[in-house]
Protein backbone atom coordinates (compact mmCIF):
# COMPACT_ATOMS: atom_id res chain seq x y z
CA UNK A 1 30.15 -4.36 -31.97
CA UNK A 2 27.23 -4.00 -29.57
CA UNK A 3 26.74 -0.37 -28.42
CA UNK A 4 25.74 -1.28 -24.86
CA UNK A 5 28.17 -0.43 -22.11
CA UNK A 6 28.42 -2.13 -18.74
CA UNK A 7 28.67 -0.30 -15.45
CA UNK A 8 29.74 -1.53 -12.02
CA UNK A 9 28.95 -5.20 -11.59
CA UNK A 10 25.73 -5.92 -9.72
CA UNK A 11 24.79 -9.11 -7.88
CA UNK A 12 21.12 -10.02 -7.55
CA UNK A 13 20.04 -12.69 -5.04
CA UNK A 14 16.47 -13.88 -5.71
CA UNK A 15 15.04 -15.75 -2.73
CA UNK A 16 11.84 -17.75 -2.50
CA UNK A 17 9.75 -17.15 0.62
CA UNK A 18 7.68 -20.20 1.65
CA UNK A 19 9.93 -23.12 2.54
CA UNK A 20 13.06 -21.05 1.92
CA UNK A 21 13.35 -17.72 3.72
CA UNK A 22 10.29 -18.33 5.93
CA UNK A 23 9.99 -21.08 8.51
CA UNK A 24 7.18 -23.61 8.30
CA UNK A 25 5.25 -21.32 10.66
CA UNK A 26 5.89 -18.32 8.38
CA UNK A 27 8.41 -16.85 10.78
CA UNK A 28 11.32 -14.63 9.77
CA UNK A 29 14.15 -13.00 11.71
CA UNK A 30 13.58 -9.56 10.20
CA UNK A 31 16.32 -7.83 12.21
CA UNK A 32 18.89 -10.30 10.96
CA UNK A 33 17.62 -10.02 7.39
CA UNK A 34 17.76 -6.22 7.49
CA UNK A 35 21.34 -6.20 8.82
CA UNK A 36 22.71 -8.63 6.26
CA UNK A 37 20.81 -7.00 3.40
CA UNK A 38 22.27 -3.60 4.24
CA UNK A 39 25.77 -5.11 4.38
CA UNK A 40 25.29 -6.71 0.99
CA UNK A 41 24.19 -3.41 -0.57
CA UNK A 42 27.69 -2.08 0.06
CA UNK A 43 28.87 -4.87 -2.26
CA UNK A 44 26.40 -3.90 -5.00
CA UNK A 45 24.31 -6.92 -4.03
CA UNK A 46 20.52 -6.71 -4.00
CA UNK A 47 18.32 -9.17 -2.09
CA UNK A 48 15.05 -9.82 -3.93
CA UNK A 49 11.96 -11.69 -2.72
CA UNK A 50 10.70 -14.02 -5.46
CA UNK A 51 7.45 -15.76 -4.56
CA UNK A 52 4.15 -17.17 -5.67
CA UNK A 53 2.45 -15.04 -3.01
CA UNK A 54 0.43 -11.95 -3.77
CA UNK A 55 2.10 -8.57 -3.34
CA UNK A 56 0.27 -7.87 -0.10
CA UNK A 57 1.02 -11.30 1.36
CA UNK A 58 4.71 -11.03 0.48
CA UNK A 59 4.91 -7.54 1.97
CA UNK A 60 3.37 -8.74 5.23
CA UNK A 61 5.81 -11.65 5.37
CA UNK A 62 8.79 -9.31 4.95
CA UNK A 63 7.33 -6.96 7.56
CA UNK A 64 9.91 -4.35 8.57
CA UNK A 65 12.45 -5.85 6.15
CA UNK A 66 10.42 -4.43 3.22
CA UNK A 67 12.56 -1.48 2.25
CA UNK A 68 15.84 -3.19 3.04
CA UNK A 69 14.59 -5.79 0.56
CA UNK A 70 13.88 -3.31 -2.22
CA UNK A 71 12.09 -5.48 -4.78
CA UNK A 72 9.50 -8.25 -4.84
CA UNK A 73 8.62 -10.62 -7.67
CA UNK A 74 5.14 -11.91 -6.85
CA UNK A 75 2.48 -14.20 -8.32
CA UNK A 76 5.27 -16.42 -9.70
CA UNK A 77 6.56 -13.62 -11.91
CA UNK A 78 3.24 -12.01 -12.78
CA UNK A 79 3.88 -8.84 -10.76
CA UNK A 80 7.18 -7.05 -10.09
CA UNK A 81 7.28 -4.28 -7.48
CA UNK A 82 9.77 -1.84 -5.99
CA UNK A 83 9.94 -0.19 -2.60
CA UNK A 84 9.07 3.49 -2.93
CA UNK A 85 8.62 5.52 0.30
CA UNK A 86 7.02 8.31 -1.72
CA UNK A 87 4.34 6.10 -3.25
CA UNK A 88 0.82 7.23 -2.49
CA UNK A 89 -0.21 4.13 -0.57
CA UNK A 90 0.38 2.88 2.95
CA UNK A 91 2.61 0.06 1.84
CA UNK A 92 5.24 1.92 -0.18
CA UNK A 93 4.72 -0.41 -3.13
CA UNK A 94 5.26 0.68 -6.73
CA UNK A 95 4.34 -1.75 -9.49
CA UNK A 96 7.09 -1.93 -12.12
CA UNK A 97 5.60 -4.68 -14.26
CA UNK A 98 2.51 -6.87 -14.35
CA UNK A 99 1.26 -9.47 -16.79
CA UNK A 100 -2.50 -9.91 -16.75
CA UNK A 101 -4.51 -12.76 -18.22
CA UNK A 102 -6.08 -11.88 -21.57
CA UNK A 103 -9.77 -10.90 -21.07
CA UNK A 104 -10.82 -13.45 -23.69
CA UNK A 105 -9.10 -16.18 -21.69
CA UNK A 106 -10.74 -14.89 -18.50
CA UNK A 107 -14.15 -15.16 -20.12
CA UNK A 108 -13.33 -18.59 -21.55
CA UNK A 109 -12.33 -19.79 -18.07
CA UNK A 110 -15.45 -18.21 -16.58
CA UNK A 111 -17.56 -20.09 -19.11
CA UNK A 112 -15.94 -23.39 -18.14
CA UNK A 113 -16.38 -22.71 -14.43
CA UNK A 114 -20.04 -21.79 -14.85
CA UNK A 115 -20.96 -24.98 -16.69
CA UNK A 116 -20.32 -24.20 -20.35
CA UNK A 117 -17.93 -26.30 -22.38
CA UNK A 118 -16.79 -29.83 -23.11
CA UNK A 119 -16.98 -32.11 -20.09
CA UNK A 120 -16.26 -35.42 -21.81
CA UNK A 121 -14.56 -36.91 -18.76
CA UNK A 122 -17.61 -36.21 -16.62
CA UNK A 123 -15.93 -33.48 -14.56
CA UNK A 124 -17.57 -30.07 -14.49
CA UNK A 125 -14.88 -27.99 -12.72
CA UNK A 126 -17.33 -25.38 -11.49
CA UNK A 127 -18.90 -28.01 -9.25
CA UNK A 128 -15.56 -28.78 -7.64
CA UNK A 129 -13.49 -25.61 -7.23
CA UNK A 130 -13.71 -22.38 -5.28
CA UNK A 131 -12.48 -19.44 -7.35
CA UNK A 132 -10.13 -16.75 -6.12
CA UNK A 133 -8.60 -14.14 -8.41
CA UNK A 134 -5.68 -11.82 -7.87
CA UNK A 135 -4.97 -8.41 -9.31
CA UNK A 136 -1.75 -6.54 -8.55
CA UNK A 137 -3.48 -4.77 -5.67
CA UNK A 138 -6.32 -6.96 -4.38
CA UNK A 139 -7.75 -10.49 -4.13
CA UNK A 140 -11.36 -11.58 -4.55
CA UNK A 141 -13.39 -14.73 -3.96
CA UNK A 142 -16.22 -15.43 -6.38
CA UNK A 143 -19.24 -15.46 -4.07
CA UNK A 144 -21.05 -18.16 -6.04
CA UNK A 145 -18.28 -20.59 -5.07
CA UNK A 146 -18.35 -19.88 -1.33
CA UNK A 147 -19.84 -23.29 -0.48
CA UNK A 148 -16.93 -25.02 -2.23
CA UNK A 149 -14.49 -22.74 -0.42
CA UNK A 150 -15.99 -23.95 2.87
CA UNK A 151 -15.39 -27.57 1.83
CA UNK A 152 -11.80 -26.73 0.81
CA UNK A 153 -11.26 -25.02 4.17
CA UNK A 154 -12.42 -28.12 6.07
CA UNK A 155 -10.40 -30.45 3.85
CA UNK A 156 -7.21 -28.53 4.60
CA UNK A 157 -7.62 -28.86 8.35
CA UNK A 158 -8.60 -32.51 8.03
CA UNK A 159 -5.48 -33.15 5.97
CA UNK A 160 -3.44 -31.45 8.71
CA UNK A 161 -5.25 -33.45 11.42
CA UNK A 162 -6.44 -30.20 12.95
CA UNK A 163 -9.94 -29.06 13.89
CA UNK A 164 -11.46 -26.25 11.83
CA UNK A 165 -11.14 -23.13 14.03
CA UNK A 166 -14.42 -22.06 15.56
CA UNK A 167 -16.16 -19.16 13.84
CA UNK A 168 -13.61 -19.09 10.98
CA UNK A 169 -15.50 -18.39 7.77
CA UNK A 170 -14.18 -19.41 4.35
CA UNK A 171 -13.28 -15.77 3.74
CA UNK A 172 -11.38 -15.69 7.06
CA UNK A 173 -9.49 -18.84 6.05
CA UNK A 174 -8.45 -17.49 2.67
CA UNK A 175 -7.63 -14.09 4.18
CA UNK A 176 -4.65 -15.83 5.79
CA UNK A 177 -3.34 -16.47 2.27
CA UNK A 178 -4.78 -13.44 0.42
CA UNK A 179 -4.83 -10.52 2.89
CA UNK A 180 -7.79 -8.19 2.51
CA UNK A 181 -9.73 -10.59 0.27
CA UNK A 182 -13.34 -9.62 -0.45
CA UNK A 183 -16.20 -11.13 -2.43
CA UNK A 184 -17.01 -10.50 -6.06
CA UNK A 185 -19.44 -12.16 -8.50
CA UNK A 186 -19.08 -13.82 -11.87
CA UNK A 187 -20.92 -10.87 -13.40
CA UNK A 188 -18.36 -8.46 -11.93
CA UNK A 189 -15.47 -10.69 -13.01
CA UNK A 190 -16.62 -10.39 -16.60
CA UNK A 191 -17.63 -6.73 -16.45
CA UNK A 192 -14.94 -5.17 -14.27
CA UNK A 193 -12.02 -7.52 -13.55
CA UNK A 194 -11.35 -9.26 -16.86
CA UNK A 195 -8.48 -6.97 -17.84
CA UNK A 196 -6.81 -6.80 -14.42
CA UNK A 197 -6.35 -10.42 -13.29
CA UNK A 198 -2.78 -11.66 -12.84
CA UNK A 199 -3.69 -15.09 -11.44
CA UNK A 200 -6.62 -17.35 -10.65
CA UNK A 201 -6.27 -19.58 -7.60
CA UNK A 202 -8.72 -22.47 -7.77
CA UNK A 203 -9.24 -24.57 -4.65
CA UNK A 204 -10.90 -27.94 -4.20
CA UNK A 205 -11.58 -30.26 -1.29
CA UNK A 206 -11.11 -33.23 -3.63
CA UNK A 207 -7.34 -33.65 -3.61
CA UNK A 208 -7.57 -36.91 -5.59
CA UNK A 209 -9.58 -35.16 -8.31
CA UNK A 210 -6.96 -32.56 -9.21
CA UNK A 211 -5.77 -34.27 -12.41
CA UNK A 212 -9.19 -34.66 -14.11
CA UNK A 213 -10.16 -31.12 -13.06
CA UNK A 214 -6.98 -29.72 -14.63
CA UNK A 215 -7.44 -31.88 -17.74
CA UNK A 216 -10.94 -30.48 -18.24
CA UNK A 217 -9.76 -26.91 -17.73
CA UNK A 218 -6.96 -27.41 -20.26
CA UNK A 219 -9.24 -28.96 -22.88
CA UNK A 220 -11.64 -26.03 -22.61
CA UNK A 221 -8.85 -23.44 -22.77
CA UNK A 222 -7.08 -24.79 -25.82
CA UNK A 223 -7.56 -22.77 -28.99
CA UNK A 224 -7.57 -24.07 -32.59
CA UNK A 225 -4.18 -25.46 -33.51
CA UNK A 226 -3.46 -26.49 -29.93
CA UNK A 227 -2.56 -22.98 -28.82
CA UNK A 228 -3.17 -21.78 -25.29
CA UNK A 229 -2.49 -18.50 -23.49
CA UNK A 230 -2.73 -19.79 -19.91
CA UNK A 231 -1.12 -22.47 -17.80
CA UNK A 232 -2.57 -24.63 -15.02
CA UNK A 233 -0.35 -25.85 -12.20
CA UNK A 234 -1.35 -27.76 -9.05
CA UNK A 235 0.32 -26.05 -6.11
CA UNK A 236 -0.53 -28.18 -3.07
CA UNK A 237 -3.47 -28.73 -0.72
CA UNK A 238 -6.07 -28.80 -3.50
CA UNK A 239 -4.91 -25.55 -5.11
CA UNK A 240 -4.57 -24.98 -8.87
CA UNK A 241 -2.80 -21.86 -10.11
CA UNK A 242 -3.97 -20.37 -13.42
CA UNK A 243 -1.44 -17.92 -14.85
CA UNK A 244 -0.49 -16.35 -18.18
CA UNK A 245 1.61 -18.71 -20.27
CA UNK A 246 5.38 -18.26 -20.13
CA UNK A 247 5.24 -16.22 -16.94
CA UNK A 248 7.31 -17.65 -14.10
CA UNK A 249 9.94 -16.69 -11.55
CA UNK A 250 12.62 -16.71 -14.25
CA UNK A 251 10.79 -14.22 -16.46
CA UNK A 252 10.11 -12.27 -13.25
CA UNK A 253 13.86 -11.82 -12.80
CA UNK A 254 14.20 -10.71 -16.41
CA UNK A 255 11.38 -8.18 -16.07
CA UNK A 256 12.81 -6.92 -12.80
CA UNK A 257 16.09 -6.16 -14.56
CA UNK A 258 14.39 -4.52 -17.52
CA UNK A 259 12.05 -2.34 -15.44
CA UNK A 260 14.13 -1.49 -12.36
CA UNK A 261 17.17 0.70 -11.72
CA UNK A 262 19.47 -2.20 -10.87
CA UNK A 263 21.24 -2.30 -14.23
CA UNK A 264 21.88 0.59 -16.61
CA UNK A 265 22.67 -1.99 -19.28
CA UNK A 266 19.25 -3.63 -18.80
CA UNK A 267 17.57 -0.23 -19.14
CA UNK A 268 19.38 0.26 -22.43
CA UNK A 269 18.14 -3.16 -23.54
CA UNK A 270 14.58 -2.19 -22.71
CA UNK A 271 14.99 0.98 -24.78
CA UNK A 272 16.45 -1.05 -27.67
CA UNK A 273 14.50 -4.33 -27.65
CA UNK A 274 16.07 -5.44 -30.94
CA UNK A 275 19.29 -5.89 -28.97
CA UNK A 276 17.71 -8.47 -26.65
CA UNK A 277 18.52 -11.39 -28.92
CA UNK A 278 22.20 -10.51 -28.74
CA UNK A 279 22.16 -11.33 -25.03
CA UNK A 280 20.18 -14.58 -25.10
CA UNK A 281 21.78 -17.90 -24.24
CA UNK A 282 21.02 -21.13 -26.08
CA UNK A 283 17.87 -21.59 -23.98
CA UNK A 284 16.54 -18.12 -24.79
CA UNK A 285 17.35 -16.67 -21.36
CA UNK A 286 18.66 -13.12 -21.31
CA UNK A 287 22.08 -12.65 -19.73
CA UNK A 288 22.58 -9.01 -18.79
CA UNK A 289 26.24 -7.91 -18.95
CA UNK A 290 27.51 -6.84 -15.55
CA UNK A 291 24.76 -8.63 -13.58
CA UNK A 292 25.36 -11.86 -11.67
CA UNK A 293 22.29 -13.74 -10.43
CA UNK A 294 21.93 -16.18 -7.55
CA UNK A 295 18.59 -17.93 -7.02
CA UNK A 296 17.60 -19.75 -3.82
CA UNK A 297 14.57 -22.03 -3.54
CA UNK A 298 13.03 -25.32 -2.50
CA UNK A 299 10.11 -26.09 -4.85
CA UNK A 300 9.64 -26.87 -8.53
CA UNK A 301 8.22 -23.41 -9.22
CA UNK A 302 11.66 -22.09 -8.23
CA UNK A 303 13.48 -23.96 -11.01
CA UNK A 304 12.64 -21.37 -13.74
CA UNK A 305 14.68 -18.82 -11.78
CA UNK A 306 17.44 -21.44 -11.43
CA UNK A 307 17.58 -21.42 -15.24
CA UNK A 308 18.20 -17.65 -15.21
CA UNK A 309 20.79 -17.82 -12.45
CA UNK A 310 24.55 -18.02 -12.56
CA UNK A 311 24.35 -19.91 -9.27
CA UNK A 312 21.32 -22.01 -8.24
CA UNK A 313 21.04 -22.76 -4.54
CA UNK A 314 18.67 -25.38 -3.12
CA UNK A 315 17.59 -25.65 0.48
CA UNK A 316 18.36 -28.73 2.53
CA UNK A 317 14.59 -29.26 2.68
CA UNK A 318 14.15 -28.86 -1.11
CA UNK A 319 12.50 -31.49 -3.28
CA UNK A 320 14.97 -34.02 -4.68
CA UNK A 321 14.26 -32.91 -8.25
CA UNK A 322 15.02 -29.30 -7.25
CA UNK A 323 18.31 -30.31 -5.65
CA UNK A 324 19.28 -32.06 -8.87
CA UNK A 325 19.07 -28.72 -10.70
CA UNK A 326 21.10 -26.79 -8.11
CA UNK A 327 24.77 -25.85 -8.06
CA UNK A 328 24.81 -25.61 -4.26
CA UNK A 329 22.72 -27.44 -1.66
CA UNK A 330 22.62 -25.72 1.71
CA UNK A 331 23.24 -27.99 4.71
CA UNK A 332 20.36 -26.48 6.68
CA UNK A 333 16.64 -25.95 6.16
CA UNK A 334 14.23 -23.06 6.22
CA UNK A 335 13.60 -23.76 9.90
CA UNK A 336 17.34 -23.47 10.65
CA UNK A 337 17.78 -20.00 9.10
CA UNK A 338 19.98 -21.54 6.40
CA UNK A 339 19.36 -18.70 3.93
CA UNK A 340 20.43 -16.03 6.41
CA UNK A 341 23.56 -18.06 7.21
CA UNK A 342 24.36 -18.16 3.49
CA UNK A 343 23.76 -14.41 3.05
CA UNK A 344 25.99 -13.61 6.03
CA UNK A 345 28.77 -15.72 4.53
CA UNK A 346 28.38 -13.80 1.27
CA UNK A 347 28.46 -10.47 3.11
CA UNK A 348 31.59 -11.41 5.05
CA UNK A 349 33.38 -12.64 1.93
CA UNK A 350 33.63 -16.21 3.26
CA UNK A 351 32.06 -17.42 0.02
CA UNK A 352 31.67 -15.76 -3.36
């Protein structure tokens, strides 16, 4: 018999931001979100933001709803935070969990991006990508790649058929994505940041060159025996995300449960890690007794949290392959407020 005891059932609703909760113009009806979130709390239901954005970007998106939404899973699962009004920062953010990239892998990537390595396909990635790195508290652009960042900035606006805004520097452009971003150097990356990086965001103006760039990065990151500690994922508009291996929105949900106060049972599991295997399903996903999970998203990076969910919900604007993995497909889109409609139906008891 397993010694763990369940408490009152808890329902966790993990919601993607871009393309799901946010409109295409990054808008959000915060008043409506706050009201429905507070109603759901009375039903032991917690609304969680689960995003590829940095902590600061996600917090700014939530705006006044941060606090009603008590937890954020950011950097695609790399950082898990809780709202804490007593935290000694202006943003009331407390980091519960973070997974950084191994310093050896950081240095190996830095070598590749500064011209050292095997470039058998003729692609030297450092000549093609601007380098941005995230920690749990700040974002930096590698100054030596500023000229490539400028090309990536122009390529984005060209792709959108929009003129590059006058006087917008590359740092200004990326500040829209990584609030508060500042410059660093390769020397500082190696000397001061190597143990703190949760994600690299590489950006290129050469959208058609993404595949050979990624192939070269992978070949120079693979260890003897075919092992690798990092993953490379194109994420749109010339961006390539570099993250620790086996970190995603699904593991973000798991780490939220293990490191937060949502589930007493999960806290007992954390204290007795040998018990974890007793609660794994056939795919190795942990199912916490007394916790029901709903996941809502639109993109392929949302499907790992679908795998952890009891109910997977896809937006009407979701990719076809995402819809195929969902239990429910909402009739509306992110621009229609479909997520808030769904939450209000849950709060009213119209659906379960």
